[in-house]
Amino acid sequence: MKAYIAELFGTFCLVFIGCASVVLGGFGALVPSGGVLAIGLAFGIAVVAMAYAIGSVSGAHLNPAVTLGAFLAGRLPAKDVAPYMIAQVAGGILGAIVLWIIASGSANGAPASLAATTWDPSAFSTAAVFLAEVVATFLFVMVILGVTTKVHSTVLGGLVIGLTLTAMHLGFVQVSGSSLNPARSIGPALFSGSTAIAQLWLYILAPLIGGAVAGVVYKARLFESTESDLVRKVGTSDIPH
């Protein structure tokens, strides 16, 4: 139960902080305000903070795509998959609710959009947006699985993960909104009108596919060194005993 509560809290913070950079921080106009960098850093720093705050409790997935990838990689028991995802979606919705209440207190009233992830069909095709979300999520989850293995684990893992999310935002915010996370998209979409709701399917399906592929790839141990691999690389005399 502690892990589920941690996931709810962590996803709440991710959505609240990240989306606030758009809704309240004035960075919704991506060009030329430097909004892409500001938004990317807001989401990335939120992930870093949660990785160190609750990582020891739940692993700080904050994302159903990460949870699915971790499960398929053999890192998470099947019994935890659904509760993790439910907690993450609930946290994202709560984050959106609190942000909407705050934003509604402005002189201009409630915002028309709560930083929902959407795309412009006149700028990028649905296929292009779908592929961007799949590939970006795949890369993101691969990094998470890579820096959290027993062999490759590092105290800087949280920072690496947060910076990777920032990098993905820099590359894909103007293509797809760079969701990479169904829980991040569901909450804000509920407060952002019919277009956000109509396009929500892509931001659920594409990240889950990307996360699943990453989990399957990591399950195959293509990117995971074992002790025998280290023996072949450096020789047994170099391995600490």
C-alpha atoms as a PDB file:
ATOM      1  CA  MET A   1       0.000   0.000   0.000  1.00  0.00           C
ATOM      2  CA  LYS A   2       2.878   2.387   0.733  1.00  0.00           C
ATOM      3  CA  ALA A   3       4.164   1.873  -2.803  1.00  0.00           C
ATOM      4  CA  TYR A   4       0.759   2.642  -4.305  1.00  0.00           C
ATOM      5  CA  ILE A   5       0.395   5.804  -2.232  1.00  0.00           C
ATOM      6  CA  ALA A   6       3.906   6.826  -3.264  1.00  0.00           C
ATOM      7  CA  GLU A   7       3.006   6.375  -6.936  1.00  0.00           C
ATOM      8  CA  LEU A   8      -0.133   8.452  -6.492  1.00  0.00           C
ATOM      9  CA  PHE A   9       1.813  11.218  -4.755  1.00  0.00           C
ATOM     10  CA  GLY A  10       4.672  11.141  -7.233  1.00  0.00           C
ATOM     11  CA  THR A  11       2.429  11.309 -10.294  1.00  0.00           C
ATOM     12  CA  PHE A  12       0.414  14.079  -8.663  1.00  0.00           C
ATOM     13  CA  CYS A  13       3.614  16.099  -8.297  1.00  0.00           C
ATOM     14  CA  LEU A  14       4.737  15.362 -11.858  1.00  0.00           C
ATOM     15  CA  VAL A  15       1.478  16.536 -13.418  1.00  0.00           C
ATOM     16  CA  PHE A  16       1.001  19.452 -11.049  1.00  0.00           C
ATOM     17  CA  ILE A  17       4.528  20.829 -11.445  1.00  0.00           C
ATOM     18  CA  GLY A  18       5.008  20.047 -15.129  1.00  0.00           C
ATOM     19  CA  CYS A  19       1.640  21.298 -16.321  1.00  0.00           C
ATOM     20  CA  ALA A  20       1.871  24.356 -14.073  1.00  0.00           C
ATOM     21  CA  SER A  21       4.873  25.482 -16.124  1.00  0.00           C
ATOM     22  CA  VAL A  22       2.497  25.766 -19.086  1.00  0.00           C
ATOM     23  CA  VAL A  23      -0.709  26.937 -17.419  1.00  0.00           C
ATOM     24  CA  LEU A  24       0.668  29.236 -14.727  1.00  0.00           C
ATOM     25  CA  GLY A  25       4.302  29.782 -15.678  1.00  0.00           C
ATOM     26  CA  GLY A  26       3.540  31.461 -18.978  1.00  0.00           C
ATOM     27  CA  PHE A  27       5.514  29.013 -21.113  1.00  0.00           C
ATOM     28  CA  GLY A  28       2.619  27.794 -23.218  1.00  0.00           C
ATOM     29  CA  ALA A  29       3.852  29.847 -26.185  1.00  0.00           C
ATOM     30  CA  LEU A  30       6.683  27.521 -27.156  1.00  0.00           C
ATOM     31  CA  VAL A  31       8.410  29.822 -29.645  1.00  0.00           C
ATOM     32  CA  PRO A  32      10.209  32.162 -29.180  1.00  0.00           C
ATOM     33  CA  SER A  33       9.702  32.308 -25.403  1.00  0.00           C
ATOM     34  CA  GLY A  34      12.000  29.410 -24.585  1.00  0.00           C
ATOM     35  CA  GLY A  35       8.912  27.514 -23.548  1.00  0.00           C
ATOM     36  CA  VAL A  36      10.120  24.130 -24.785  1.00  0.00           C
ATOM     37  CA  LEU A  37      13.203  24.289 -22.548  1.00  0.00           C
ATOM     38  CA  ALA A  38      11.232  25.569 -19.558  1.00  0.00           C
ATOM     39  CA  ILE A  39       8.561  22.882 -19.903  1.00  0.00           C
ATOM     40  CA  GLY A  40      11.142  20.164 -20.442  1.00  0.00           C
ATOM     41  CA  LEU A  41      13.051  21.222 -17.355  1.00  0.00           C
ATOM     42  CA  ALA A  42       9.870  21.437 -15.274  1.00  0.00           C
ATOM     43  CA  PHE A  43       8.893  17.872 -16.066  1.00  0.00           C
ATOM     44  CA  GLY A  44      12.479  16.624 -15.867  1.00  0.00           C
ATOM     45  CA  ILE A  45      13.192  18.236 -12.504  1.00  0.00           C
ATOM     46  CA  ALA A  46       9.886  16.920 -11.142  1.00  0.00           C
ATOM     47  CA  VAL A  47      10.964  13.411 -12.116  1.00  0.00           C
ATOM     48  CA  VAL A  48      14.374  13.893 -10.492  1.00  0.00           C
ATOM     49  CA  ALA A  49      12.743  15.116  -7.280  1.00  0.00           C
ATOM     50  CA  MET A  50      10.321  12.193  -7.137  1.00  0.00           C
ATOM     51  CA  ALA A  51      13.013   9.655  -8.018  1.00  0.00           C
ATOM     52  CA  TYR A  52      14.936  10.611  -4.888  1.00  0.00           C
ATOM     53  CA  ALA A  53      11.874  11.305  -2.736  1.00  0.00           C
ATOM     54  CA  ILE A  54       9.915   8.085  -3.300  1.00  0.00           C
ATOM     55  CA  GLY A  55      12.218   5.895  -5.378  1.00  0.00           C
ATOM     56  CA  SER A  56      13.102   3.731  -2.407  1.00  0.00           C
ATOM     57  CA  VAL A  57       9.401   3.118  -1.700  1.00  0.00           C
ATOM     58  CA  SER A  58       7.891   2.368  -5.116  1.00  0.00           C
ATOM     59  CA  GLY A  59      10.634   2.822  -7.682  1.00  0.00           C
ATOM     60  CA  ALA A  60       9.042   6.125  -8.724  1.00  0.00           C
ATOM     61  CA  HIS A  61       7.539   4.853 -11.960  1.00  0.00           C
ATOM     62  CA  LEU A  62       5.000   7.736 -12.173  1.00  0.00           C
ATOM     63  CA  ASN A  63       3.941   6.337 -15.528  1.00  0.00           C
ATOM     64  CA  PRO A  64       1.908   3.304 -16.662  1.00  0.00           C
ATOM     65  CA  ALA A  65       4.283   2.841 -19.604  1.00  0.00           C
ATOM     66  CA  VAL A  66       7.218   2.521 -17.192  1.00  0.00           C
ATOM     67  CA  THR A  67       5.245   0.101 -15.024  1.00  0.00           C
ATOM     68  CA  LEU A  68       4.375  -2.060 -18.040  1.00  0.00           C
ATOM     69  CA  GLY A  69       7.991  -2.026 -19.191  1.00  0.00           C
ATOM     70  CA  ALA A  70       9.247  -2.941 -15.719  1.00  0.00           C
ATOM     71  CA  PHE A  71       6.771  -5.824 -15.528  1.00  0.00           C
ATOM     72  CA  LEU A  72       7.708  -7.226 -18.947  1.00  0.00           C
ATOM     73  CA  ALA A  73      11.386  -6.858 -18.058  1.00  0.00           C
ATOM     74  CA  GLY A  74      10.813  -9.007 -14.979  1.00  0.00           C
ATOM     75  CA  ARG A  75      11.279  -6.146 -12.520  1.00  0.00           C
ATOM     76  CA  LEU A  76       7.748  -5.917 -11.093  1.00  0.00           C
ATOM     77  CA  PRO A  77       5.332  -8.626  -9.880  1.00  0.00           C
ATOM     78  CA  ALA A  78       2.136  -9.019 -11.875  1.00  0.00           C
ATOM     79  CA  LYS A  79       0.028  -8.277  -8.790  1.00  0.00           C
ATOM     80  CA  ASP A  80       1.434  -4.726  -8.637  1.00  0.00           C
ATOM     81  CA  VAL A  81       0.837  -3.730 -12.255  1.00  0.00           C
ATOM     82  CA  ALA A  82      -2.832  -2.735 -12.067  1.00  0.00           C
ATOM     83  CA  PRO A  83      -2.585  -1.030  -8.629  1.00  0.00           C
ATOM     84  CA  TYR A  84       0.450   0.966  -9.793  1.00  0.00           C
ATOM     85  CA  MET A  85      -1.348   2.115 -12.940  1.00  0.00           C
ATOM     86  CA  ILE A  86      -4.533   3.006 -11.059  1.00  0.00           C
ATOM     87  CA  ALA A  87      -2.537   4.986  -8.505  1.00  0.00           C
ATOM     88  CA  GLN A  88      -0.655   6.827 -11.265  1.00  0.00           C
ATOM     89  CA  VAL A  89      -3.805   7.784 -13.176  1.00  0.00           C
ATOM     90  CA  ALA A  90      -5.487   8.871  -9.922  1.00  0.00           C
ATOM     91  CA  GLY A  91      -2.442  10.976  -9.051  1.00  0.00           C
ATOM     92  CA  GLY A  92      -2.457  12.592 -12.486  1.00  0.00           C
ATOM     93  CA  ILE A  93      -6.147  13.442 -12.183  1.00  0.00           C
ATOM     94  CA  LEU A  94      -5.683  14.889  -8.685  1.00  0.00           C
ATOM     95  CA  GLY A  95      -2.760  16.970  -9.922  1.00  0.00           C
ATOM     96  CA  ALA A  96      -4.920  18.311 -12.733  1.00  0.00           C
ATOM     97  CA  ILE A  97      -7.794  19.073 -10.353  1.00  0.00           C
ATOM     98  CA  VAL A  98      -5.627  21.106  -7.976  1.00  0.00           C
ATOM     99  CA  LEU A  99      -3.967  22.930 -10.875  1.00  0.00           C
ATOM    100  CA  TRP A 100      -7.384  23.718 -12.410  1.00  0.00           C
ATOM    101  CA  ILE A 101      -8.648  25.122  -9.091  1.00  0.00           C
ATOM    102  CA  ILE A 102      -5.611  27.393  -8.799  1.00  0.00           C
ATOM    103  CA  ALA A 103      -5.747  28.479 -12.450  1.00  0.00           C
ATOM    104  CA  SER A 104      -9.476  29.179 -12.164  1.00  0.00           C
ATOM    105  CA  GLY A 105      -8.721  31.751  -9.494  1.00  0.00           C
ATOM    106  CA  SER A 106      -7.039  34.052 -11.997  1.00  0.00           C
ATOM    107  CA  ALA A 107      -8.709  37.221 -13.256  1.00  0.00           C
ATOM    108  CA  ASN A 108      -9.234  35.529 -16.624  1.00  0.00           C
ATOM    109  CA  GLY A 109     -11.126  32.622 -15.117  1.00  0.00           C
ATOM    110  CA  ALA A 110     -10.657  28.926 -15.846  1.00  0.00           C
ATOM    111  CA  PRO A 111      -8.174  28.153 -18.641  1.00  0.00           C
ATOM    112  CA  ALA A 112      -9.443  26.666 -21.900  1.00  0.00           C
ATOM    113  CA  SER A 113      -6.731  24.006 -21.764  1.00  0.00           C
ATOM    114  CA  LEU A 114      -4.881  22.528 -18.812  1.00  0.00           C
ATOM    115  CA  ALA A 115      -1.656  21.746 -20.698  1.00  0.00           C
ATOM    116  CA  ALA A 116      -3.277  18.723 -22.334  1.00  0.00           C
ATOM    117  CA  THR A 117      -1.161  16.843 -24.851  1.00  0.00           C
ATOM    118  CA  THR A 118      -2.658  17.304 -28.310  1.00  0.00           C
ATOM    119  CA  TRP A 119      -1.377  17.581 -31.847  1.00  0.00           C
ATOM    120  CA  ASP A 120      -2.234  19.697 -34.851  1.00  0.00           C
ATOM    121  CA  PRO A 121      -3.213  17.440 -37.814  1.00  0.00           C
ATOM    122  CA  SER A 122      -2.266  20.239 -40.200  1.00  0.00           C
ATOM    123  CA  ALA A 123       1.306  20.191 -38.876  1.00  0.00           C
ATOM    124  CA  PHE A 124       1.960  16.469 -38.277  1.00  0.00           C
ATOM    125  CA  SER A 125       0.064  13.395 -39.356  1.00  0.00           C
ATOM    126  CA  THR A 126      -1.464  11.034 -36.822  1.00  0.00           C
ATOM    127  CA  ALA A 127       1.024   8.366 -37.892  1.00  0.00           C
ATOM    128  CA  ALA A 128       3.974  10.692 -37.288  1.00  0.00           C
ATOM    129  CA  VAL A 129       2.710  11.676 -33.844  1.00  0.00           C
ATOM    130  CA  PHE A 130       2.013   8.051 -32.940  1.00  0.00           C
ATOM    131  CA  LEU A 131       5.501   6.992 -33.991  1.00  0.00           C
ATOM    132  CA  ALA A 132       7.086   9.884 -32.087  1.00  0.00           C
ATOM    133  CA  GLU A 133       5.304   8.858 -28.887  1.00  0.00           C
ATOM    134  CA  VAL A 134       6.189   5.182 -29.313  1.00  0.00           C
ATOM    135  CA  VAL A 135       9.876   5.767 -30.039  1.00  0.00           C
ATOM    136  CA  ALA A 136      10.369   8.494 -27.421  1.00  0.00           C
ATOM    137  CA  THR A 137       8.704   6.366 -24.748  1.00  0.00           C
ATOM    138  CA  PHE A 138      10.766   3.347 -25.790  1.00  0.00           C
ATOM    139  CA  LEU A 139      13.990   5.310 -25.408  1.00  0.00           C
ATOM    140  CA  PHE A 140      12.872   6.810 -22.100  1.00  0.00           C
ATOM    141  CA  VAL A 141      11.931   3.452 -20.586  1.00  0.00           C
ATOM    142  CA  MET A 142      15.124   1.850 -21.896  1.00  0.00           C
ATOM    143  CA  VAL A 143      17.145   4.458 -20.025  1.00  0.00           C
ATOM    144  CA  ILE A 144      15.126   3.874 -16.846  1.00  0.00           C
ATOM    145  CA  LEU A 145      15.620   0.113 -17.026  1.00  0.00           C
ATOM    146  CA  GLY A 146      19.291   0.591 -17.841  1.00  0.00           C
ATOM    147  CA  VAL A 147      20.246   2.841 -14.960  1.00  0.00           C
ATOM    148  CA  THR A 148      18.276   0.822 -12.402  1.00  0.00           C
ATOM    149  CA  THR A 149      19.742  -2.631 -13.012  1.00  0.00           C
ATOM    150  CA  LYS A 150      21.805  -4.204 -10.251  1.00  0.00           C
ATOM    151  CA  VAL A 151      24.853  -4.192 -12.512  1.00  0.00           C
ATOM    152  CA  HIS A 152      24.495  -0.614 -13.764  1.00  0.00           C
ATOM    153  CA  SER A 153      22.803   1.004 -10.756  1.00  0.00           C
ATOM    154  CA  THR A 154      24.078   4.465  -9.862  1.00  0.00           C
ATOM    155  CA  VAL A 155      23.149   7.127  -7.315  1.00  0.00           C
ATOM    156  CA  LEU A 156      22.841   9.499 -10.275  1.00  0.00           C
ATOM    157  CA  GLY A 157      20.102   7.370 -11.811  1.00  0.00           C
ATOM    158  CA  GLY A 158      17.345   9.810 -10.889  1.00  0.00           C
ATOM    159  CA  LEU A 159      19.226  12.688 -12.493  1.00  0.00           C
ATOM    160  CA  VAL A 160      19.869  10.702 -15.662  1.00  0.00           C
ATOM    161  CA  ILE A 161      16.186   9.776 -15.942  1.00  0.00           C
ATOM    162  CA  GLY A 162      15.044  13.361 -15.411  1.00  0.00           C
ATOM    163  CA  LEU A 163      17.489  14.721 -17.966  1.00  0.00           C
ATOM    164  CA  THR A 164      16.384  12.095 -20.470  1.00  0.00           C
ATOM    165  CA  LEU A 165      12.773  13.212 -20.089  1.00  0.00           C
ATOM    166  CA  THR A 166      13.902  16.813 -20.581  1.00  0.00           C
ATOM    167  CA  ALA A 167      15.736  15.810 -23.755  1.00  0.00           C
ATOM    168  CA  MET A 168      12.639  14.052 -25.084  1.00  0.00           C
ATOM    169  CA  HIS A 169      10.590  17.174 -24.464  1.00  0.00           C
ATOM    170  CA  LEU A 170      13.126  19.300 -26.327  1.00  0.00           C
ATOM    171  CA  GLY A 171      12.800  17.034 -29.330  1.00  0.00           C
ATOM    172  CA  PHE A 172       9.112  16.197 -29.397  1.00  0.00           C
ATOM    173  CA  VAL A 173       7.005  18.812 -27.576  1.00  0.00           C
ATOM    174  CA  GLN A 174       6.215  20.573 -30.839  1.00  0.00           C
ATOM    175  CA  VAL A 175       5.409  17.289 -32.574  1.00  0.00           C
ATOM    176  CA  SER A 176       3.176  15.453 -30.123  1.00  0.00           C
ATOM    177  CA  GLY A 177       3.295  17.430 -26.896  1.00  0.00           C
ATOM    178  CA  SER A 178       5.777  14.802 -25.675  1.00  0.00           C
ATOM    179  CA  SER A 179       3.552  12.939 -23.268  1.00  0.00           C
ATOM    180  CA  LEU A 180       5.331   9.558 -23.004  1.00  0.00           C
ATOM    181  CA  ASN A 181       2.954   8.922 -20.120  1.00  0.00           C
ATOM    182  CA  PRO A 182      -0.770   8.040 -20.167  1.00  0.00           C
ATOM    183  CA  ALA A 183      -1.244   9.288 -16.588  1.00  0.00           C
ATOM    184  CA  ARG A 184       0.241  12.671 -17.518  1.00  0.00           C
ATOM    185  CA  SER A 185      -2.211  12.975 -20.425  1.00  0.00           C
ATOM    186  CA  ILE A 186      -5.428  11.657 -18.871  1.00  0.00           C
ATOM    187  CA  GLY A 187      -5.722  14.158 -15.995  1.00  0.00           C
ATOM    188  CA  PRO A 188      -5.237  17.398 -17.987  1.00  0.00           C
ATOM    189  CA  ALA A 189      -7.382  16.110 -20.876  1.00  0.00           C
ATOM    190  CA  LEU A 190     -10.409  15.961 -18.575  1.00  0.00           C
ATOM    191  CA  PHE A 191     -10.218  19.768 -18.212  1.00  0.00           C
ATOM    192  CA  SER A 192      -9.220  20.688 -21.758  1.00  0.00           C
ATOM    193  CA  GLY A 193     -12.166  20.222 -24.050  1.00  0.00           C
ATOM    194  CA  SER A 194     -13.306  17.834 -26.753  1.00  0.00           C
ATOM    195  CA  THR A 195     -10.132  17.835 -28.871  1.00  0.00           C
ATOM    196  CA  ALA A 196      -7.989  16.643 -25.978  1.00  0.00           C
ATOM    197  CA  ILE A 197     -10.492  13.903 -25.148  1.00  0.00           C
ATOM    198  CA  ALA A 198     -10.796  12.812 -28.784  1.00  0.00           C
ATOM    199  CA  GLN A 199      -7.005  12.533 -29.170  1.00  0.00           C
ATOM    200  CA  LEU A 200      -6.414  10.917 -25.776  1.00  0.00           C
ATOM    201  CA  TRP A 201      -6.411   7.385 -27.202  1.00  0.00           C
ATOM    202  CA  LEU A 202      -3.059   8.016 -28.874  1.00  0.00           C
ATOM    203  CA  TYR A 203      -1.436   9.238 -25.658  1.00  0.00           C
ATOM    204  CA  ILE A 204      -2.574   6.081 -23.895  1.00  0.00           C
ATOM    205  CA  LEU A 205      -1.823   3.501 -26.566  1.00  0.00           C
ATOM    206  CA  ALA A 206       1.448   4.775 -28.060  1.00  0.00           C
ATOM    207  CA  PRO A 207       3.363   5.156 -24.762  1.00  0.00           C
ATOM    208  CA  LEU A 208       2.167   1.728 -23.588  1.00  0.00           C
ATOM    209  CA  ILE A 209       3.480   0.180 -26.801  1.00  0.00           C
ATOM    210  CA  GLY A 210       6.814   1.977 -26.408  1.00  0.00           C
ATOM    211  CA  GLY A 211       7.123   0.898 -22.785  1.00  0.00           C
ATOM    212  CA  ALA A 212       6.165  -2.688 -23.617  1.00  0.00           C
ATOM    213  CA  VAL A 213       8.758  -2.952 -26.384  1.00  0.00           C
ATOM    214  CA  ALA A 214      11.422  -1.598 -24.032  1.00  0.00           C
ATOM    215  CA  GLY A 215      10.468  -4.197 -21.419  1.00  0.00           C
ATOM    216  CA  VAL A 216      10.653  -7.039 -23.923  1.00  0.00           C
ATOM    217  CA  VAL A 217      14.012  -5.834 -25.239  1.00  0.00           C
ATOM    218  CA  TYR A 218      15.415  -5.588 -21.725  1.00  0.00           C
ATOM    219  CA  LYS A 219      14.016  -8.992 -20.810  1.00  0.00           C
ATOM    220  CA  ALA A 220      16.200 -10.365 -23.596  1.00  0.00           C
ATOM    221  CA  ARG A 221      19.184  -8.863 -21.714  1.00  0.00           C
ATOM    222  CA  LEU A 222      20.608  -7.335 -24.867  1.00  0.00           C
ATOM    223  CA  PHE A 223      21.742  -4.265 -22.904  1.00  0.00           C
ATOM    224  CA  GLU A 224      22.517  -5.849 -19.552  1.00  0.00           C
ATOM    225  CA  SER A 225      26.015  -6.991 -18.621  1.00  0.00           C
ATOM    226  CA  THR A 226      26.360 -10.084 -16.455  1.00  0.00           C
ATOM    227  CA  GLU A 227      29.323 -11.139 -14.333  1.00  0.00           C
ATOM    228  CA  SER A 228      30.400 -13.507 -17.080  1.00  0.00           C
ATOM    229  CA  ASP A 229      30.362 -10.603 -19.550  1.00  0.00           C
ATOM    230  CA  LEU A 230      32.643  -8.645 -17.228  1.00  0.00           C
ATOM    231  CA  VAL A 231      34.993 -11.615 -16.983  1.00  0.00           C
ATOM    232  CA  ARG A 232      35.324 -11.709 -20.739  1.00  0.00           C
ATOM    233  CA  LYS A 233      35.952  -7.962 -20.893  1.00  0.00           C
ATOM    234  CA  VAL A 234      38.454  -7.391 -18.112  1.00  0.00           C
ATOM    235  CA  GLY A 235      39.568 -10.829 -16.902  1.00  0.00           C
ATOM    236  CA  THR A 236      38.793 -12.517 -13.620  1.00  0.00           C
ATOM    237  CA  SER A 237      41.731 -10.903 -11.828  1.00  0.00           C
ATOM    238  CA  ASP A 238      40.138  -7.462 -12.262  1.00  0.00           C
ATOM    239  CA  ILE A 239      36.790  -8.348 -10.689  1.00  0.00           C
ATOM    240  CA  PRO A 240      36.625  -7.439  -6.989  1.00  0.00           C
ATOM    241  CA  HIS A 241      36.100 -10.373  -4.594  1.00  0.00           C
END
